[in-house]
């Protein structure tokens, strides 16, 4: 009788140990394994983030997110990458200023359509 209760518990413990040993139970982050050497067109990029040991990754990298939601890894020491990061920072800063002034990013082009009021 005790063997019937003990056997399922042993199987469960063995399964838990195996999955932890394989890393299934751990929280794996999505890290860049190498940096791209090609220039990244600024018109492709909408944002960036930094990766390094503090985020659980071995490689230090700048991870650019494109407008098509693709990730491109680049070297943070590359001067072109640093310039692209500065341009993105300026764009974000300007967008925040425009929102504070009450202007939207639609200020270029045609004006925003107004809703009609019913009488």
N, C-alpha and C. Protein backbone atom coordinates (compact mmCIF):
# COMPACT_ATOMS: atom_id res chain seq x y z
N UNK A 1 0.82 -1.19 0.00
CA UNK A 1 0.00 0.00 0.00
C UNK A 1 0.87 1.26 0.00
N UNK A 2 1.89 1.30 0.82
CA UNK A 2 2.78 2.46 0.90
C UNK A 2 3.55 2.63 -0.40
N UNK A 3 3.84 1.51 -1.09
CA UNK A 3 4.58 1.58 -2.35
C UNK A 3 3.76 2.27 -3.44
N UNK A 4 2.42 2.06 -3.40
CA UNK A 4 1.54 2.72 -4.37
C UNK A 4 1.55 4.24 -4.21
N UNK A 5 1.69 4.72 -3.01
CA UNK A 5 1.75 6.16 -2.76
C UNK A 5 3.15 6.72 -3.01
N UNK A 6 4.15 5.92 -2.73
CA UNK A 6 5.52 6.38 -2.85
C UNK A 6 5.99 6.47 -4.30
N UNK A 7 5.56 5.55 -5.15
CA UNK A 7 6.00 5.50 -6.54
C UNK A 7 5.63 6.76 -7.33
N UNK A 8 4.38 7.25 -7.28
CA UNK A 8 4.07 8.49 -8.00
C UNK A 8 4.86 9.71 -7.48
N UNK A 9 5.09 9.75 -6.18
CA UNK A 9 5.87 10.86 -5.63
C UNK A 9 7.31 10.82 -6.12
N UNK A 10 7.89 9.64 -6.21
CA UNK A 10 9.26 9.50 -6.71
C UNK A 10 9.34 9.90 -8.19
N UNK A 11 8.34 9.50 -8.97
CA UNK A 11 8.32 9.87 -10.38
C UNK A 11 8.20 11.39 -10.55
N UNK A 12 7.38 12.01 -9.75
CA UNK A 12 7.21 13.46 -9.81
C UNK A 12 8.50 14.17 -9.43
N UNK A 13 9.18 13.72 -8.38
CA UNK A 13 10.43 14.33 -7.96
C UNK A 13 11.50 14.16 -9.03
N UNK A 14 11.57 13.00 -9.65
CA UNK A 14 12.55 12.76 -10.71
C UNK A 14 12.28 13.66 -11.92
N UNK A 15 11.02 13.84 -12.27
CA UNK A 15 10.66 14.70 -13.39
C UNK A 15 11.05 16.15 -13.12
N UNK A 16 10.81 16.64 -11.91
CA UNK A 16 11.17 18.00 -11.56
C UNK A 16 12.68 18.21 -11.61
N UNK A 17 13.44 17.23 -11.12
CA UNK A 17 14.90 17.35 -11.15
C UNK A 17 15.43 17.37 -12.58
N UNK A 18 14.88 16.57 -13.45
CA UNK A 18 15.34 16.51 -14.84
C UNK A 18 15.03 17.82 -15.56
N UNK A 19 13.82 18.37 -15.38
CA UNK A 19 13.47 19.61 -16.08
C UNK A 19 14.31 20.78 -15.59
N UNK A 20 14.65 20.83 -14.31
CA UNK A 20 15.51 21.90 -13.81
C UNK A 20 16.92 21.74 -14.33
N UNK A 21 17.41 20.52 -14.45
CA UNK A 21 18.75 20.28 -14.97
C UNK A 21 18.84 20.69 -16.44
N UNK A 22 17.76 20.57 -17.18
CA UNK A 22 17.76 20.94 -18.60
C UNK A 22 17.53 22.43 -18.79
N UNK A 23 17.19 23.16 -17.75
CA UNK A 23 16.98 24.60 -17.86
C UNK A 23 15.57 24.97 -18.28
N UNK A 24 14.65 24.03 -18.32
CA UNK A 24 13.28 24.33 -18.73
C UNK A 24 12.61 25.21 -17.69
N UNK A 25 12.90 25.00 -16.43
CA UNK A 25 12.26 25.76 -15.37
C UNK A 25 12.87 27.12 -15.15
N UNK A 26 14.01 27.43 -15.77
CA UNK A 26 14.65 28.71 -15.54
C UNK A 26 14.08 29.77 -16.48
N UNK A 27 14.28 31.02 -16.11
CA UNK A 27 13.81 32.11 -16.96
C UNK A 27 14.94 32.52 -17.89
N UNK A 28 14.93 32.06 -19.11
CA UNK A 28 15.96 32.39 -20.08
C UNK A 28 15.61 33.70 -20.77
N UNK A 29 16.60 34.58 -20.89
CA UNK A 29 16.34 35.84 -21.59
C UNK A 29 16.81 35.72 -23.03
N UNK A 30 16.30 36.60 -23.87
CA UNK A 30 16.62 36.59 -25.29
C UNK A 30 17.83 37.48 -25.50
N UNK A 31 19.02 36.88 -25.58
CA UNK A 31 20.27 37.64 -25.67
C UNK A 31 20.87 37.57 -27.07
N UNK A 32 21.55 38.64 -27.44
CA UNK A 32 22.31 38.65 -28.69
C UNK A 32 23.55 37.79 -28.51
N UNK A 33 23.85 36.98 -29.51
CA UNK A 33 25.05 36.15 -29.45
C UNK A 33 26.21 36.77 -30.22
N UNK A 34 25.89 37.67 -31.17
CA UNK A 34 26.92 38.41 -31.89
C UNK A 34 26.32 39.71 -32.40
N UNK A 35 27.21 40.66 -32.71
CA UNK A 35 26.77 41.96 -33.20
C UNK A 35 26.88 42.03 -34.71
N UNK A 36 25.94 42.73 -35.32
CA UNK A 36 25.96 42.94 -36.76
C UNK A 36 27.07 43.92 -37.09
N UNK A 37 27.73 43.71 -38.23
CA UNK A 37 28.79 44.62 -38.66
C UNK A 37 28.29 45.55 -39.76
N UNK A 38 27.11 45.32 -40.27
CA UNK A 38 26.55 46.15 -41.34
C UNK A 38 25.97 47.43 -40.75
N UNK A 39 26.02 48.51 -41.52
CA UNK A 39 25.39 49.75 -41.06
C UNK A 39 23.86 49.59 -40.99
N UNK A 40 23.26 50.21 -40.01
CA UNK A 40 21.82 50.10 -39.81
C UNK A 40 21.17 51.41 -40.26
N UNK A 41 20.30 51.37 -41.26
CA UNK A 41 19.64 52.61 -41.71
C UNK A 41 18.74 53.17 -40.61
N UNK A 42 18.86 54.46 -40.36
CA UNK A 42 18.06 55.07 -39.30
C UNK A 42 16.57 55.03 -39.60
N UNK A 43 16.22 54.95 -40.87
CA UNK A 43 14.80 54.91 -41.24
C UNK A 43 14.14 53.58 -40.85
N UNK A 44 14.94 52.57 -40.57
CA UNK A 44 14.39 51.26 -40.18
C UNK A 44 14.06 51.21 -38.69
N UNK A 45 14.74 52.00 -37.89
CA UNK A 45 14.75 51.82 -36.44
C UNK A 45 13.71 52.68 -35.75
N UNK A 46 13.01 52.08 -34.76
CA UNK A 46 12.05 52.86 -33.97
C UNK A 46 12.47 52.99 -32.50
N UNK A 47 13.29 52.05 -31.99
CA UNK A 47 13.73 52.14 -30.60
C UNK A 47 14.97 51.27 -30.39
N UNK A 48 15.53 51.36 -29.20
CA UNK A 48 16.68 50.51 -28.86
C UNK A 48 16.67 50.21 -27.37
N UNK A 49 17.42 49.19 -26.99
CA UNK A 49 17.64 48.86 -25.59
C UNK A 49 19.07 48.37 -25.45
N UNK A 50 19.57 48.38 -24.22
CA UNK A 50 20.94 47.93 -23.96
C UNK A 50 20.92 46.56 -23.31
N UNK A 51 21.91 45.75 -23.67
CA UNK A 51 22.02 44.39 -23.13
C UNK A 51 23.43 44.22 -22.58
N UNK A 52 23.54 43.48 -21.50
CA UNK A 52 24.83 43.21 -20.91
C UNK A 52 24.69 42.28 -19.73
N UNK A 53 25.76 42.12 -18.94
CA UNK A 53 25.71 41.22 -17.77
C UNK A 53 24.62 41.58 -16.77
N UNK A 54 24.31 42.89 -16.67
CA UNK A 54 23.26 43.30 -15.73
C UNK A 54 21.88 42.83 -16.15
N UNK A 55 21.72 42.50 -17.44
CA UNK A 55 20.45 41.97 -17.92
C UNK A 55 20.50 40.45 -18.13
N UNK A 56 21.58 39.83 -17.67
CA UNK A 56 21.69 38.37 -17.76
C UNK A 56 22.29 37.86 -19.06
N UNK A 57 22.93 38.72 -19.84
CA UNK A 57 23.52 38.34 -21.12
C UNK A 57 25.04 38.50 -21.07
N UNK A 58 25.75 37.64 -21.76
CA UNK A 58 27.21 37.70 -21.76
C UNK A 58 27.74 38.83 -22.63
N UNK A 59 27.12 39.07 -23.77
CA UNK A 59 27.60 40.05 -24.74
C UNK A 59 26.97 41.42 -24.49
N UNK A 60 27.82 42.45 -24.43
CA UNK A 60 27.30 43.81 -24.37
C UNK A 60 26.86 44.21 -25.77
N UNK A 61 25.64 44.70 -25.90
CA UNK A 61 25.12 45.06 -27.22
C UNK A 61 24.02 46.10 -27.10
N UNK A 62 23.81 46.79 -28.20
CA UNK A 62 22.65 47.67 -28.35
C UNK A 62 21.68 46.90 -29.23
N UNK A 63 20.47 46.69 -28.75
CA UNK A 63 19.47 45.94 -29.49
C UNK A 63 18.47 46.93 -30.07
N UNK A 64 18.56 47.12 -31.39
CA UNK A 64 17.65 48.03 -32.08
C UNK A 64 16.39 47.25 -32.48
N UNK A 65 15.23 47.88 -32.31
CA UNK A 65 13.97 47.31 -32.77
C UNK A 65 13.55 48.08 -34.00
N UNK A 66 13.31 47.36 -35.10
CA UNK A 66 12.93 48.01 -36.34
C UNK A 66 11.43 48.29 -36.36
N UNK A 67 10.98 49.02 -37.36
CA UNK A 67 9.56 49.32 -37.51
C UNK A 67 8.76 48.06 -37.83
N UNK A 68 9.45 47.01 -38.29
CA UNK A 68 8.79 45.73 -38.56
C UNK A 68 8.96 44.77 -37.38
N UNK A 69 9.35 45.31 -36.21
CA UNK A 69 9.54 44.56 -34.96
C UNK A 69 10.59 43.46 -35.07
N UNK A 70 11.63 43.69 -35.83
CA UNK A 70 12.78 42.79 -35.89
C UNK A 70 13.85 43.35 -34.96
N UNK A 71 14.70 42.48 -34.43
CA UNK A 71 15.77 42.88 -33.54
C UNK A 71 17.10 42.84 -34.29
N UNK A 72 17.91 43.90 -34.13
CA UNK A 72 19.24 43.96 -34.72
C UNK A 72 20.22 44.28 -33.60
N UNK A 73 21.22 43.44 -33.43
CA UNK A 73 22.22 43.64 -32.40
C UNK A 73 23.41 44.39 -32.98
N UNK A 74 23.92 45.37 -32.23
CA UNK A 74 25.05 46.17 -32.70
C UNK A 74 26.00 46.45 -31.54
N UNK A 75 27.23 46.76 -31.88
CA UNK A 75 28.26 47.04 -30.88
C UNK A 75 28.04 48.42 -30.26
N UNK A 76 28.03 48.51 -28.93
CA UNK A 76 27.84 49.82 -28.29
C UNK A 76 29.04 50.74 -28.44
N UNK A 77 30.19 50.22 -28.86
CA UNK A 77 31.38 51.06 -29.02
C UNK A 77 31.50 51.63 -30.43
N UNK A 78 30.69 51.19 -31.36
CA UNK A 78 30.72 51.67 -32.74
C UNK A 78 30.17 53.09 -32.79
N UNK A 79 30.90 54.00 -33.45
CA UNK A 79 30.49 55.42 -33.48
C UNK A 79 29.17 55.62 -34.23
N UNK A 80 28.93 54.85 -35.29
CA UNK A 80 27.67 54.97 -36.03
C UNK A 80 26.49 54.53 -35.16
N UNK A 81 26.70 53.51 -34.35
CA UNK A 81 25.66 53.01 -33.44
C UNK A 81 25.36 54.07 -32.38
N UNK A 82 26.40 54.69 -31.83
CA UNK A 82 26.21 55.73 -30.82
C UNK A 82 25.46 56.92 -31.40
N UNK A 83 25.77 57.29 -32.64
CA UNK A 83 25.08 58.40 -33.29
C UNK A 83 23.60 58.08 -33.51
N UNK A 84 23.32 56.84 -33.92
CA UNK A 84 21.93 56.41 -34.12
C UNK A 84 21.16 56.43 -32.79
N UNK A 85 21.81 56.01 -31.71
CA UNK A 85 21.18 56.06 -30.39
C UNK A 85 20.87 57.50 -29.99
N UNK A 86 21.81 58.43 -30.24
CA UNK A 86 21.60 59.84 -29.91
C UNK A 86 20.44 60.42 -30.70
N UNK A 87 20.36 60.06 -31.99
CA UNK A 87 19.25 60.55 -32.83
C UNK A 87 17.91 60.04 -32.32
N UNK A 88 17.86 58.78 -31.90
CA UNK A 88 16.62 58.23 -31.35
C UNK A 88 16.25 58.93 -30.04
N UNK A 89 17.26 59.20 -29.19
CA UNK A 89 17.00 59.90 -27.93
C UNK A 89 16.45 61.30 -28.18
N UNK A 90 17.02 62.00 -29.17
CA UNK A 90 16.53 63.35 -29.51
C UNK A 90 15.09 63.29 -30.01
N UNK A 91 14.79 62.28 -30.83
CA UNK A 91 13.43 62.14 -31.37
C UNK A 91 12.43 61.91 -30.25
N UNK A 92 12.77 61.04 -29.30
CA UNK A 92 11.88 60.76 -28.17
C UNK A 92 11.69 62.02 -27.33
N UNK A 93 12.78 62.76 -27.12
CA UNK A 93 12.71 63.99 -26.33
C UNK A 93 11.82 65.03 -27.02
N UNK A 94 11.96 65.17 -28.34
CA UNK A 94 11.13 66.12 -29.08
C UNK A 94 9.67 65.71 -29.09
N UNK A 95 9.41 64.41 -29.20
CA UNK A 95 8.02 63.92 -29.17
C UNK A 95 7.37 64.24 -27.82
N UNK A 96 8.14 64.12 -26.74
CA UNK A 96 7.60 64.43 -25.41
C UNK A 96 7.30 65.92 -25.27
N UNK A 97 8.19 66.76 -25.83
CA UNK A 97 7.95 68.21 -25.78
C UNK A 97 6.69 68.58 -26.55
N UNK A 98 6.51 67.97 -27.73
CA UNK A 98 5.32 68.25 -28.54
C UNK A 98 4.05 67.84 -27.80
N UNK A 99 4.08 66.74 -27.10
CA UNK A 99 2.89 66.29 -26.37
C UNK A 99 2.58 67.23 -25.21
N UNK A 100 3.64 67.77 -24.57
CA UNK A 100 3.42 68.71 -23.47
C UNK A 100 2.77 69.99 -23.97
N UNK A 101 3.13 70.40 -25.18
CA UNK A 101 2.56 71.61 -25.77
C UNK A 101 1.16 71.39 -26.31
N UNK A 102 0.74 70.15 -26.35
CA UNK A 102 -0.59 69.85 -26.86
C UNK A 102 -0.60 69.56 -28.34
N UNK A 103 0.57 69.49 -28.93
CA UNK A 103 0.65 69.16 -30.35
C UNK A 103 0.87 67.67 -30.48
N UNK A 104 0.26 67.10 -31.48
CA UNK A 104 0.48 65.69 -31.73
C UNK A 104 1.52 65.53 -32.81
N UNK A 105 1.93 64.30 -33.08
CA UNK A 105 2.90 64.04 -34.13
C UNK A 105 2.26 64.23 -35.51
N UNK A 106 0.95 64.52 -35.57
CA UNK A 106 0.24 64.75 -36.83
C UNK A 106 0.35 66.20 -37.28
N UNK A 107 1.16 67.00 -36.59
CA UNK A 107 1.24 68.41 -36.95
C UNK A 107 1.74 68.61 -38.37
N UNK A 108 2.46 67.63 -38.88
CA UNK A 108 2.86 67.70 -40.28
C UNK A 108 1.72 67.14 -41.12
N UNK A 109 1.49 67.71 -42.28
CA UNK A 109 0.45 67.18 -43.15
C UNK A 109 -0.91 67.75 -42.83
N UNK A 110 -1.95 66.96 -43.10
CA UNK A 110 -3.31 67.47 -42.92
C UNK A 110 -3.72 67.51 -41.46
N UNK A 111 -4.62 68.42 -41.11
CA UNK A 111 -5.05 68.54 -39.71
C UNK A 111 -5.94 67.36 -39.30
N UNK A 112 -6.01 67.17 -37.99
CA UNK A 112 -6.83 66.10 -37.45
C UNK A 112 -8.31 66.41 -37.68
N UNK A 113 -9.08 65.40 -38.07
CA UNK A 113 -10.50 65.57 -38.37
C UNK A 113 -11.28 65.77 -37.06
N UNK A 114 -12.17 66.75 -37.07
CA UNK A 114 -12.97 67.06 -35.89
C UNK A 114 -14.30 66.30 -35.98
N UNK A 115 -14.81 65.89 -34.83
CA UNK A 115 -16.12 65.22 -34.80
C UNK A 115 -17.23 66.26 -34.87
N UNK A 116 -18.29 65.92 -35.57
CA UNK A 116 -19.44 66.82 -35.66
C UNK A 116 -20.31 66.66 -34.43
N UNK A 117 -20.83 67.75 -33.97
CA UNK A 117 -21.75 67.69 -32.84
C UNK A 117 -23.17 67.64 -33.36
N UNK A 118 -23.96 66.74 -32.79
CA UNK A 118 -25.35 66.65 -33.22
C UNK A 118 -26.20 67.64 -32.41
N UNK A 119 -27.14 68.28 -33.09
CA UNK A 119 -27.99 69.28 -32.43
C UNK A 119 -29.32 68.67 -32.07
